[in-house]
């Protein structure tokens, strides 16, 4: 009988658990997700021969990357150059399997706010994974599952660290996890696993993130109780729930993710999740503000119902460069 993805990854050394298993412990005791990803990908050393073609015809960055020790930090521009290589040129798979853990660690550090120097690389990584065929053609099923698991856990870690229900300006922390979540729907077809873990609101951070997200779904840009309106001087405003990170300009969610969202996103379910989040936050500093978001939902039911239908449709349509999307309905009542 064929083993499940989980069983096959466990055989390669991957350990599974909830986000709570990996959070809240001293740094030295935390599971090393990058090391486990490397074991799952099965590449413990760089290939002896580097034949990967460089997009800019200068392969010095490839030689530097191939010499890295597993714990070393790559140069940010070397990663940008490599992302362009695998987007536009034939991919040397054994080199890719060696470098993917470096790439995904940089992606995670950017998502978690640990290292802002990788922002330019992340913008190039997303189209490389999609347009370069890395996820659907180059990687095998188990390798793709290992990458998906690493990314889901990183997004959940960022969600688990969410705090606060009052934000203004362009650098509000929730933008990072919201746009990572929406972009994941373009990359991997198993968004249901990530979304279900999040909407169970089993941690304070997941409850806070649920309130943040639902406020964007139910309230207009100028009346959102969590995100102050956009201003010319400071930017900001509520995150757009269809916005993708990186240079993904003509992309859409994968069909299994759209079908899942259609199934899960309705006013009754959204209200139940919000009530669960409010209950989870009752004794936290976010409790009062979460209660106000819930109380205001009573007058937002028509808007919420309309947007629950509209959001999957937006995410199912290929984006058009230069076309600015807006909710088709924002008024209450």
Protein backbone atom coordinates (compact mmCIF):
# COMPACT_ATOMS: atom_id res chain seq x y z
CA UNK A 1 0.00 0.00 0.00
CA UNK A 2 1.34 3.41 -0.93
CA UNK A 3 2.48 5.56 1.99
CA UNK A 4 0.99 8.99 2.57
CA UNK A 5 3.04 12.17 1.96
CA UNK A 6 3.37 12.56 5.72
CA UNK A 7 4.75 9.02 6.14
CA UNK A 8 7.22 9.47 3.29
CA UNK A 9 8.49 12.75 4.74
CA UNK A 10 8.78 11.22 8.22
CA UNK A 11 10.98 8.49 6.76
CA UNK A 12 13.26 11.24 5.44
CA UNK A 13 13.59 12.68 8.93
CA UNK A 14 10.84 15.30 8.99
CA UNK A 15 9.15 15.72 12.37
CA UNK A 16 5.56 16.88 12.52
CA UNK A 17 3.73 18.81 15.22
CA UNK A 18 1.60 21.84 15.92
CA UNK A 19 2.92 25.36 15.82
CA UNK A 20 2.82 25.38 19.62
CA UNK A 21 5.46 22.63 19.61
CA UNK A 22 7.94 25.01 17.95
CA UNK A 23 7.07 28.35 19.54
CA UNK A 24 7.72 29.78 22.95
CA UNK A 25 10.89 27.78 23.64
CA UNK A 26 14.47 28.99 24.01
CA UNK A 27 16.11 29.42 20.61
CA UNK A 28 18.44 26.48 21.07
CA UNK A 29 15.60 24.07 21.77
CA UNK A 30 13.48 24.90 18.75
CA UNK A 31 13.18 22.47 15.89
CA UNK A 32 15.51 23.48 13.06
CA UNK A 33 13.02 23.61 10.20
CA UNK A 34 15.68 24.51 7.64
CA UNK A 35 17.77 21.46 8.55
CA UNK A 36 14.69 19.26 8.32
CA UNK A 37 13.82 20.75 4.94
CA UNK A 38 17.35 19.98 3.75
CA UNK A 39 17.02 16.37 4.91
CA UNK A 40 13.62 16.04 3.23
CA UNK A 41 15.04 17.35 -0.05
CA UNK A 42 17.81 14.77 0.24
CA UNK A 43 20.75 16.98 -0.71
CA UNK A 44 23.45 17.08 1.98
CA UNK A 45 26.21 18.61 -0.16
CA UNK A 46 26.42 20.81 -3.26
CA UNK A 47 26.85 19.10 -6.63
CA UNK A 48 30.41 18.69 -7.85
CA UNK A 49 29.59 20.18 -11.24
CA UNK A 50 27.72 23.46 -11.74
CA UNK A 51 26.16 23.71 -15.19
CA UNK A 52 23.28 26.05 -14.33
CA UNK A 53 23.14 28.84 -16.93
CA UNK A 54 23.24 32.35 -15.47
CA UNK A 55 20.55 34.72 -16.68
CA UNK A 56 23.01 37.62 -16.88
CA UNK A 57 25.79 35.36 -18.31
CA UNK A 58 27.93 35.87 -15.16
CA UNK A 59 28.00 32.75 -12.99
CA UNK A 60 30.17 34.09 -10.16
CA UNK A 61 27.12 34.12 -7.87
CA UNK A 62 26.52 30.43 -8.59
CA UNK A 63 30.02 29.53 -7.51
CA UNK A 64 29.66 31.58 -4.31
CA UNK A 65 26.30 30.00 -3.49
CA UNK A 66 27.61 26.48 -4.14
CA UNK A 67 30.44 27.04 -1.64
CA UNK A 68 28.12 28.04 1.22
CA UNK A 69 28.05 26.02 4.41
CA UNK A 70 24.53 25.02 5.51
CA UNK A 71 24.37 27.67 8.25
CA UNK A 72 25.94 30.45 6.18
CA UNK A 73 24.03 33.54 5.11
CA UNK A 74 24.00 34.10 1.34
CA UNK A 75 24.57 37.49 -0.18
CA UNK A 76 21.17 39.03 -0.93
CA UNK A 77 22.08 39.94 -4.51
CA UNK A 78 23.40 36.44 -5.17
CA UNK A 79 19.96 35.12 -4.27
CA UNK A 80 18.28 37.67 -6.54
CA UNK A 81 20.52 36.56 -9.42
CA UNK A 82 19.79 32.91 -8.71
CA UNK A 83 16.03 33.53 -8.67
CA UNK A 84 16.36 35.07 -12.14
CA UNK A 85 18.43 32.08 -13.28
CA UNK A 86 15.78 29.53 -12.33
CA UNK A 87 12.95 31.66 -13.65
CA UNK A 88 14.33 32.15 -17.13
CA UNK A 89 16.87 29.36 -17.71
CA UNK A 90 16.88 25.57 -17.61
CA UNK A 91 17.13 24.48 -13.98
CA UNK A 92 19.95 22.34 -12.63
CA UNK A 93 17.89 20.29 -10.19
CA UNK A 94 20.66 18.97 -7.92
CA UNK A 95 21.89 22.53 -7.41
CA UNK A 96 18.32 23.69 -6.80
CA UNK A 97 17.83 21.07 -4.08
CA UNK A 98 21.02 22.30 -2.38
CA UNK A 99 20.07 25.98 -2.61
CA UNK A 100 16.33 25.81 -1.87
CA UNK A 101 16.88 25.72 1.92
CA UNK A 102 18.96 28.92 1.67
CA UNK A 103 16.27 30.51 -0.48
CA UNK A 104 13.39 29.54 1.78
CA UNK A 105 15.25 30.58 4.92
CA UNK A 106 15.71 34.03 3.37
CA UNK A 107 12.01 34.06 2.42
CA UNK A 108 11.07 33.13 6.00
CA UNK A 109 13.40 35.77 7.49
CA UNK A 110 11.72 38.40 5.33
CA UNK A 111 8.24 37.21 6.30
CA UNK A 112 9.13 37.16 10.00
CA UNK A 113 10.77 40.59 9.89
CA UNK A 114 14.15 39.15 10.84
CA UNK A 115 16.07 40.40 7.81
CA UNK A 116 14.71 43.13 5.57
CA UNK A 117 17.63 42.81 3.12
CA UNK A 118 15.89 39.92 1.34
CA UNK A 119 12.83 41.87 0.18
CA UNK A 120 14.13 42.20 -3.38
CA UNK A 121 14.92 38.49 -3.52
CA UNK A 122 11.46 37.49 -2.30
CA UNK A 123 9.91 39.60 -5.06
CA UNK A 124 11.84 37.51 -7.60
CA UNK A 125 11.46 34.17 -5.82
CA UNK A 126 7.68 33.99 -6.17
CA UNK A 127 7.62 34.25 -9.99
CA UNK A 128 10.62 31.92 -10.17
CA UNK A 129 8.70 29.23 -8.30
CA UNK A 130 5.63 29.66 -10.53
CA UNK A 131 6.81 30.85 -13.94
CA UNK A 132 10.03 28.85 -13.75
CA UNK A 133 8.00 25.69 -13.20
CA UNK A 134 9.88 24.83 -10.01
CA UNK A 135 6.81 23.70 -8.11
CA UNK A 136 4.84 21.97 -10.84
CA UNK A 137 7.57 20.55 -13.11
CA UNK A 138 11.02 20.44 -11.52
CA UNK A 139 10.31 19.19 -7.99
CA UNK A 140 8.91 15.74 -7.32
CA UNK A 141 5.81 15.17 -5.21
CA UNK A 142 7.68 14.61 -1.93
CA UNK A 143 10.00 17.56 -2.55
CA UNK A 144 7.07 19.82 -3.34
CA UNK A 145 5.29 18.64 -0.17
CA UNK A 146 8.39 19.43 1.92
CA UNK A 147 8.55 22.96 0.50
CA UNK A 148 4.82 23.45 1.11
CA UNK A 149 5.10 22.28 4.72
CA UNK A 150 8.03 24.61 5.39
CA UNK A 151 6.11 27.57 3.98
CA UNK A 152 2.89 26.77 5.83
CA UNK A 153 4.72 26.46 9.15
CA UNK A 154 6.53 29.77 8.57
CA UNK A 155 3.27 31.58 7.80
CA UNK A 156 1.63 30.04 10.87
CA UNK A 157 4.59 31.12 13.00
CA UNK A 158 4.10 34.70 11.83
CA UNK A 159 0.35 34.43 12.46
CA UNK A 160 1.01 33.04 15.94
CA UNK A 161 3.08 36.10 16.76
CA UNK A 162 0.36 38.59 15.81
CA UNK A 163 -0.53 41.11 18.49
CA UNK A 164 -2.63 44.24 18.43
CA UNK A 165 -5.80 45.37 16.68
CA UNK A 166 -4.93 48.97 15.88
CA UNK A 167 -2.61 49.84 12.99
CA UNK A 168 -1.73 52.79 10.81
CA UNK A 169 0.87 53.40 8.14
CA UNK A 170 2.48 51.28 5.46
CA UNK A 171 4.68 49.20 7.75
CA UNK A 172 1.94 47.52 9.77
CA UNK A 173 3.03 43.97 10.59
CA UNK A 174 -0.20 42.20 9.46
CA UNK A 175 0.57 43.05 5.82
CA UNK A 176 3.34 40.45 5.88
CA UNK A 177 1.25 37.45 6.82
CA UNK A 178 -1.82 38.48 4.81
CA UNK A 179 0.14 38.82 1.58
CA UNK A 180 2.11 35.63 2.29
CA UNK A 181 -1.21 33.82 2.72
CA UNK A 182 -2.74 35.17 -0.48
CA UNK A 183 0.45 34.41 -2.42
CA UNK A 184 0.54 30.86 -1.06
CA UNK A 185 -2.76 30.32 -2.87
CA UNK A 186 -0.91 30.92 -6.16
CA UNK A 187 2.00 28.62 -5.29
CA UNK A 188 0.53 25.54 -3.63
CA UNK A 189 -2.81 23.75 -3.95
CA UNK A 190 -3.13 22.79 -0.25
CA UNK A 191 -4.15 26.16 1.19
CA UNK A 192 -6.94 24.35 3.04
CA UNK A 193 -4.42 22.90 5.52
CA UNK A 194 -2.99 26.33 6.34
CA UNK A 195 -6.37 28.05 6.51
CA UNK A 196 -7.97 25.36 8.67
CA UNK A 197 -5.14 25.46 11.20
CA UNK A 198 -5.43 29.24 11.36
CA UNK A 199 -9.22 29.49 11.64
CA UNK A 200 -9.30 27.02 14.51
CA UNK A 201 -7.98 30.08 16.48
CA UNK A 202 -6.10 27.78 18.83
CA UNK A 203 -3.57 30.45 19.82
CA UNK A 204 -3.81 34.11 20.73
CA UNK A 205 -2.02 35.08 17.53
CA UNK A 206 -4.38 33.08 15.33
CA UNK A 207 -7.35 34.69 17.03
CA UNK A 208 -5.85 38.16 16.54
CA UNK A 209 -5.10 37.38 12.88
CA UNK A 210 -8.68 36.17 12.34
CA UNK A 211 -10.02 39.49 13.66
CA UNK A 212 -7.56 41.39 11.47
CA UNK A 213 -8.60 39.49 8.36
CA UNK A 214 -12.34 39.56 8.99
CA UNK A 215 -12.21 43.30 9.60
CA UNK A 216 -10.88 43.68 6.05
CA UNK A 217 -13.61 41.42 4.73
CA UNK A 218 -16.52 43.15 6.45
CA UNK A 219 -15.59 46.83 6.74
CA UNK A 220 -14.89 49.56 4.20
CA UNK A 221 -11.48 51.16 3.78
CA UNK A 222 -12.43 54.29 5.71
CA UNK A 223 -14.38 52.58 8.50
CA UNK A 224 -12.18 49.63 9.38
CA UNK A 225 -11.84 49.49 13.20
CA UNK A 226 -8.43 47.77 13.03
CA UNK A 227 -6.63 49.53 10.17
CA UNK A 228 -6.64 53.32 9.93
CA UNK A 229 -7.41 54.72 6.47
CA UNK A 230 -4.70 55.25 3.88
CA UNK A 231 -3.07 58.66 3.90
CA UNK A 232 -0.85 60.35 1.34
CA UNK A 233 1.86 60.91 3.97
CA UNK A 234 1.90 57.53 5.70
CA UNK A 235 0.20 55.06 3.39
CA UNK A 236 -1.51 52.25 5.24
CA UNK A 237 -5.15 51.26 5.07
CA UNK A 238 -6.50 47.69 5.39
CA UNK A 239 -4.65 44.95 3.46
CA UNK A 240 -6.26 44.03 0.13
CA UNK A 241 -7.28 40.39 0.44
CA UNK A 242 -6.53 39.64 -3.22
CA UNK A 243 -3.06 41.21 -3.29
CA UNK A 244 -0.10 38.95 -4.12
CA UNK A 245 3.46 39.61 -2.98
CA UNK A 246 6.36 39.78 -5.41
CA UNK A 247 6.25 40.15 -9.17
CA UNK A 248 3.08 38.13 -9.76
CA UNK A 249 1.16 40.36 -12.14
CA UNK A 250 -0.87 37.95 -14.29
CA UNK A 251 -1.52 35.15 -11.84
CA UNK A 252 -4.49 33.63 -10.03
CA UNK A 253 -5.19 31.21 -7.21
CA UNK A 254 -4.96 27.52 -7.99
CA UNK A 255 -8.36 25.96 -8.54
CA UNK A 256 -8.38 23.69 -5.41
CA UNK A 257 -7.80 26.79 -3.28
CA UNK A 258 -10.62 28.68 -4.96
CA UNK A 259 -13.00 25.75 -4.40
CA UNK A 260 -12.00 25.59 -0.74
CA UNK A 261 -12.56 29.31 -0.24
CA UNK A 262 -16.00 29.11 -1.85
CA UNK A 263 -16.86 26.34 0.61
CA UNK A 264 -15.50 28.01 3.76
CA UNK A 265 -16.28 31.68 3.16
CA UNK A 266 -19.87 32.48 4.06
CA UNK A 267 -21.35 34.95 6.59
CA UNK A 268 -22.33 32.23 9.08
CA UNK A 269 -18.87 30.64 9.17
CA UNK A 270 -17.09 34.00 9.26
CA UNK A 271 -19.26 35.16 12.17
CA UNK A 272 -18.66 31.90 14.06
CA UNK A 273 -14.90 32.22 13.62
CA UNK A 274 -15.02 35.83 14.77
CA UNK A 275 -17.02 34.85 17.86
CA UNK A 276 -14.47 32.12 18.65
CA UNK A 277 -11.65 34.64 18.25
CA UNK A 278 -13.38 37.13 20.53
CA UNK A 279 -13.87 34.41 23.15
CA UNK A 280 -10.20 33.39 22.85
CA UNK A 281 -9.13 37.04 23.35
CA UNK A 282 -11.53 37.82 26.19
CA UNK A 283 -8.74 38.12 28.76
CA UNK A 284 -6.15 39.59 26.38
CA UNK A 285 -5.42 43.23 25.65
CA UNK A 286 -7.09 42.83 22.25
CA UNK A 287 -10.34 41.63 23.82
CA UNK A 288 -12.27 44.91 23.84
CA UNK A 289 -11.33 45.85 20.30
CA UNK A 290 -12.15 42.37 19.03
CA UNK A 291 -15.55 42.68 20.69
CA UNK A 292 -16.16 45.96 18.88
CA UNK A 293 -15.34 44.34 15.52
CA UNK A 294 -17.89 41.62 16.29
CA UNK A 295 -20.54 44.08 17.51
CA UNK A 296 -20.25 46.09 14.31
CA UNK A 297 -20.80 43.02 12.18
CA UNK A 298 -24.55 43.14 12.80
CA UNK A 299 -24.92 46.15 10.51
CA UNK A 300 -22.47 44.75 7.97
CA UNK A 301 -24.27 41.50 7.07
CA UNK A 302 -25.23 42.47 3.48
CA UNK A 303 -21.72 43.71 2.72
CA UNK A 304 -20.16 40.63 4.31
CA UNK A 305 -22.39 38.28 2.31
CA UNK A 306 -21.55 40.08 -0.93
CA UNK A 307 -17.81 40.04 -0.28
CA UNK A 308 -17.82 36.36 0.73
CA UNK A 309 -19.06 35.65 -2.79
CA UNK A 310 -16.88 38.23 -4.48
CA UNK A 311 -13.47 37.38 -3.00
CA UNK A 312 -13.21 33.84 -4.46
CA UNK A 313 -14.21 35.22 -7.85
CA UNK A 314 -11.48 37.86 -7.70
CA UNK A 315 -8.85 35.32 -6.67
CA UNK A 316 -9.97 32.93 -9.42
CA UNK A 317 -9.40 35.52 -12.16
CA UNK A 318 -5.96 36.08 -13.64
CA UNK A 319 -4.71 39.50 -12.62
CA UNK A 320 -4.42 42.18 -15.27
CA UNK A 321 -1.31 44.41 -15.09
CA UNK A 322 -2.20 47.98 -14.28
CA UNK A 323 -5.80 47.18 -13.31
CA UNK A 324 -6.62 48.44 -9.81
CA UNK A 325 -9.11 46.22 -8.02
CA UNK A 326 -11.68 47.44 -5.54
CA UNK A 327 -14.52 45.85 -3.65
CA UNK A 328 -17.70 46.34 -5.66
CA UNK A 329 -19.63 46.99 -2.45
CA UNK A 330 -18.45 48.81 0.68
CA UNK A 331 -21.47 50.55 2.16
CA UNK A 332 -23.27 49.16 5.19
CA UNK A 333 -26.95 48.38 5.33
